[in-house]
């Protein structure tokens, strides 16, 4: 069974399915929502770019 869609029930590998990541920016440890799964704990589709989201970039199809 082959599909072109990314399965939505695969745990996020960046946060190991927890939906949060640890950050030590600023010298203080804090828990933040995972930018790769947007805090859901499940993998998002291949078009999701966590680095662009963090920079405030918008995908070309959403540019004004």
N, C-alpha and C. Protein backbone atom coordinates (compact mmCIF):
# COMPACT_ATOMS: atom_id res chain seq x y z
N UNK A 1 0.84 -1.18 0.00
CA UNK A 1 0.00 0.00 0.00
C UNK A 1 0.89 1.24 0.00
N UNK A 2 1.01 1.88 -1.12
CA UNK A 2 1.84 3.08 -1.24
C UNK A 2 0.95 4.30 -1.36
N UNK A 3 1.31 5.35 -0.65
CA UNK A 3 0.57 6.60 -0.74
C UNK A 3 1.56 7.75 -0.90
N UNK A 4 1.05 8.87 -1.39
CA UNK A 4 1.89 10.05 -1.56
C UNK A 4 1.87 10.93 -0.31
N UNK A 5 0.99 10.62 0.65
CA UNK A 5 0.87 11.44 1.84
C UNK A 5 1.76 10.92 2.95
N UNK A 6 2.24 11.84 3.80
CA UNK A 6 3.03 11.46 4.96
C UNK A 6 2.08 10.99 6.05
N UNK A 7 2.32 9.82 6.63
CA UNK A 7 1.44 9.36 7.71
C UNK A 7 1.46 10.35 8.87
N UNK A 8 0.29 10.58 9.46
CA UNK A 8 0.20 11.58 10.52
C UNK A 8 0.31 10.97 11.91
N UNK A 9 0.47 9.66 12.00
CA UNK A 9 0.54 9.02 13.31
C UNK A 9 1.95 8.59 13.70
N UNK A 10 2.96 9.12 13.00
CA UNK A 10 4.35 8.79 13.31
C UNK A 10 4.87 9.81 14.33
N UNK A 11 5.42 9.35 15.47
CA UNK A 11 5.94 10.29 16.46
C UNK A 11 7.05 11.17 15.88
N UNK A 12 7.09 12.40 16.34
CA UNK A 12 8.12 13.36 15.92
C UNK A 12 9.46 12.89 16.46
N UNK A 13 10.45 12.80 15.59
CA UNK A 13 11.77 12.32 16.03
C UNK A 13 12.55 13.40 16.78
N UNK A 14 12.26 14.68 16.52
CA UNK A 14 12.99 15.76 17.19
C UNK A 14 12.68 15.83 18.68
N UNK A 15 11.41 15.64 19.04
CA UNK A 15 11.02 15.74 20.45
C UNK A 15 10.67 14.37 21.04
N UNK A 16 10.84 13.33 20.24
CA UNK A 16 10.52 11.95 20.64
C UNK A 16 9.06 11.79 21.03
N UNK A 17 8.20 12.55 20.36
CA UNK A 17 6.76 12.43 20.58
C UNK A 17 6.23 13.17 21.80
N UNK A 18 7.06 13.94 22.49
CA UNK A 18 6.60 14.65 23.68
C UNK A 18 5.93 15.98 23.36
N UNK A 19 6.27 16.57 22.21
CA UNK A 19 5.72 17.87 21.84
C UNK A 19 6.51 19.04 22.40
N UNK A 20 7.55 18.78 23.21
CA UNK A 20 8.37 19.85 23.76
C UNK A 20 9.85 19.56 23.55
N UNK A 21 10.63 20.62 23.50
CA UNK A 21 12.08 20.51 23.41
C UNK A 21 12.69 21.41 24.48
N UNK A 22 13.90 21.09 24.90
CA UNK A 22 14.61 21.89 25.90
C UNK A 22 15.49 22.92 25.19
N UNK A 23 15.53 24.12 25.73
CA UNK A 23 16.38 25.17 25.19
C UNK A 23 17.23 25.76 26.30
N UNK A 24 18.49 26.01 26.01
CA UNK A 24 19.38 26.66 26.96
C UNK A 24 19.79 28.06 26.48
N UNK A 25 19.05 28.62 25.55
CA UNK A 25 19.35 29.96 25.06
C UNK A 25 19.19 30.97 26.19
N UNK A 26 20.10 31.89 26.29
CA UNK A 26 20.06 32.89 27.35
C UNK A 26 20.61 32.39 28.66
N UNK A 27 21.16 31.18 28.68
CA UNK A 27 21.77 30.64 29.89
C UNK A 27 20.79 30.02 30.86
N UNK A 28 19.52 29.99 30.52
CA UNK A 28 18.52 29.42 31.41
C UNK A 28 17.74 28.34 30.66
N UNK A 29 17.62 27.18 31.26
CA UNK A 29 16.92 26.07 30.61
C UNK A 29 15.42 26.31 30.64
N UNK A 30 14.78 26.06 29.50
CA UNK A 30 13.33 26.19 29.42
C UNK A 30 12.79 25.14 28.46
N UNK A 31 11.54 24.79 28.66
CA UNK A 31 10.84 23.86 27.78
C UNK A 31 10.00 24.68 26.81
N UNK A 32 10.13 24.35 25.52
CA UNK A 32 9.41 25.07 24.48
C UNK A 32 8.63 24.09 23.62
N UNK A 33 7.53 24.54 22.99
CA UNK A 33 6.84 23.67 22.04
C UNK A 33 7.80 23.30 20.91
N UNK A 34 7.78 22.08 20.51
CA UNK A 34 8.65 21.59 19.44
C UNK A 34 8.31 22.29 18.12
N UNK A 35 9.29 22.96 17.49
CA UNK A 35 9.00 23.64 16.23
C UNK A 35 8.80 22.68 15.05
N UNK A 36 9.27 21.45 15.18
CA UNK A 36 9.14 20.49 14.09
C UNK A 36 7.76 19.86 14.02
N UNK A 37 7.09 19.73 15.16
CA UNK A 37 5.74 19.15 15.16
C UNK A 37 4.71 20.14 15.69
N UNK A 38 5.16 21.36 16.00
CA UNK A 38 4.31 22.42 16.54
C UNK A 38 3.63 22.00 17.84
N UNK A 39 4.34 21.20 18.65
CA UNK A 39 3.83 20.79 19.95
C UNK A 39 2.86 19.64 19.94
N UNK A 40 2.61 19.05 18.78
CA UNK A 40 1.64 17.96 18.67
C UNK A 40 2.23 16.60 19.02
N UNK A 41 3.54 16.47 18.87
CA UNK A 41 4.18 15.18 19.15
C UNK A 41 4.14 14.22 17.99
N UNK A 42 3.51 14.62 16.90
CA UNK A 42 3.40 13.77 15.70
C UNK A 42 4.02 14.49 14.51
N UNK A 43 4.64 13.71 13.64
CA UNK A 43 5.31 14.26 12.46
C UNK A 43 4.33 15.03 11.58
N UNK A 44 4.77 16.20 11.10
CA UNK A 44 4.00 16.97 10.14
C UNK A 44 4.46 16.59 8.74
N UNK A 45 3.79 17.07 7.74
CA UNK A 45 4.11 16.73 6.37
C UNK A 45 5.47 17.25 5.95
N UNK A 46 5.98 16.77 4.82
CA UNK A 46 7.31 17.14 4.34
C UNK A 46 7.42 18.61 3.96
N UNK A 47 6.32 19.30 3.75
CA UNK A 47 6.37 20.71 3.38
C UNK A 47 6.60 21.61 4.59
N UNK A 48 6.50 21.09 5.81
CA UNK A 48 6.71 21.89 7.02
C UNK A 48 8.20 22.17 7.21
N UNK A 49 8.54 23.45 7.38
CA UNK A 49 9.94 23.85 7.55
C UNK A 49 10.07 24.56 8.89
N UNK A 50 10.52 23.83 9.92
CA UNK A 50 10.63 24.39 11.27
C UNK A 50 11.62 25.55 11.32
N UNK A 51 12.68 25.51 10.52
CA UNK A 51 13.66 26.58 10.54
C UNK A 51 13.09 27.86 9.95
N UNK A 52 12.30 27.77 8.92
CA UNK A 52 11.67 28.96 8.34
C UNK A 52 10.66 29.56 9.31
N UNK A 53 9.94 28.72 10.02
CA UNK A 53 8.96 29.19 11.00
C UNK A 53 9.68 29.97 12.10
N UNK A 54 10.80 29.46 12.57
CA UNK A 54 11.57 30.12 13.62
C UNK A 54 12.13 31.47 13.20
N UNK A 55 12.45 31.61 11.93
CA UNK A 55 12.99 32.87 11.42
C UNK A 55 11.89 33.85 11.09
N UNK A 56 10.65 33.37 11.01
CA UNK A 56 9.54 34.23 10.61
C UNK A 56 9.32 34.24 9.11
N UNK A 57 10.05 33.40 8.37
CA UNK A 57 9.85 33.30 6.93
C UNK A 57 8.51 32.65 6.67
N UNK A 58 7.91 33.02 5.57
CA UNK A 58 6.68 32.38 5.17
C UNK A 58 6.92 31.59 3.91
N UNK A 59 6.25 30.44 3.77
CA UNK A 59 6.38 29.67 2.53
C UNK A 59 5.92 30.53 1.35
N UNK A 60 6.47 30.29 0.15
CA UNK A 60 6.13 31.10 -1.02
C UNK A 60 4.64 31.16 -1.33
N UNK A 61 3.90 30.06 -1.05
CA UNK A 61 2.48 30.04 -1.38
C UNK A 61 1.64 30.88 -0.40
N UNK A 62 2.25 31.36 0.72
CA UNK A 62 1.51 32.16 1.69
C UNK A 62 1.99 33.61 1.71
N UNK A 63 2.93 33.94 0.86
CA UNK A 63 3.46 35.31 0.81
C UNK A 63 2.39 36.25 0.28
N UNK A 64 2.34 37.44 0.83
CA UNK A 64 1.32 38.41 0.43
C UNK A 64 1.72 39.12 -0.85
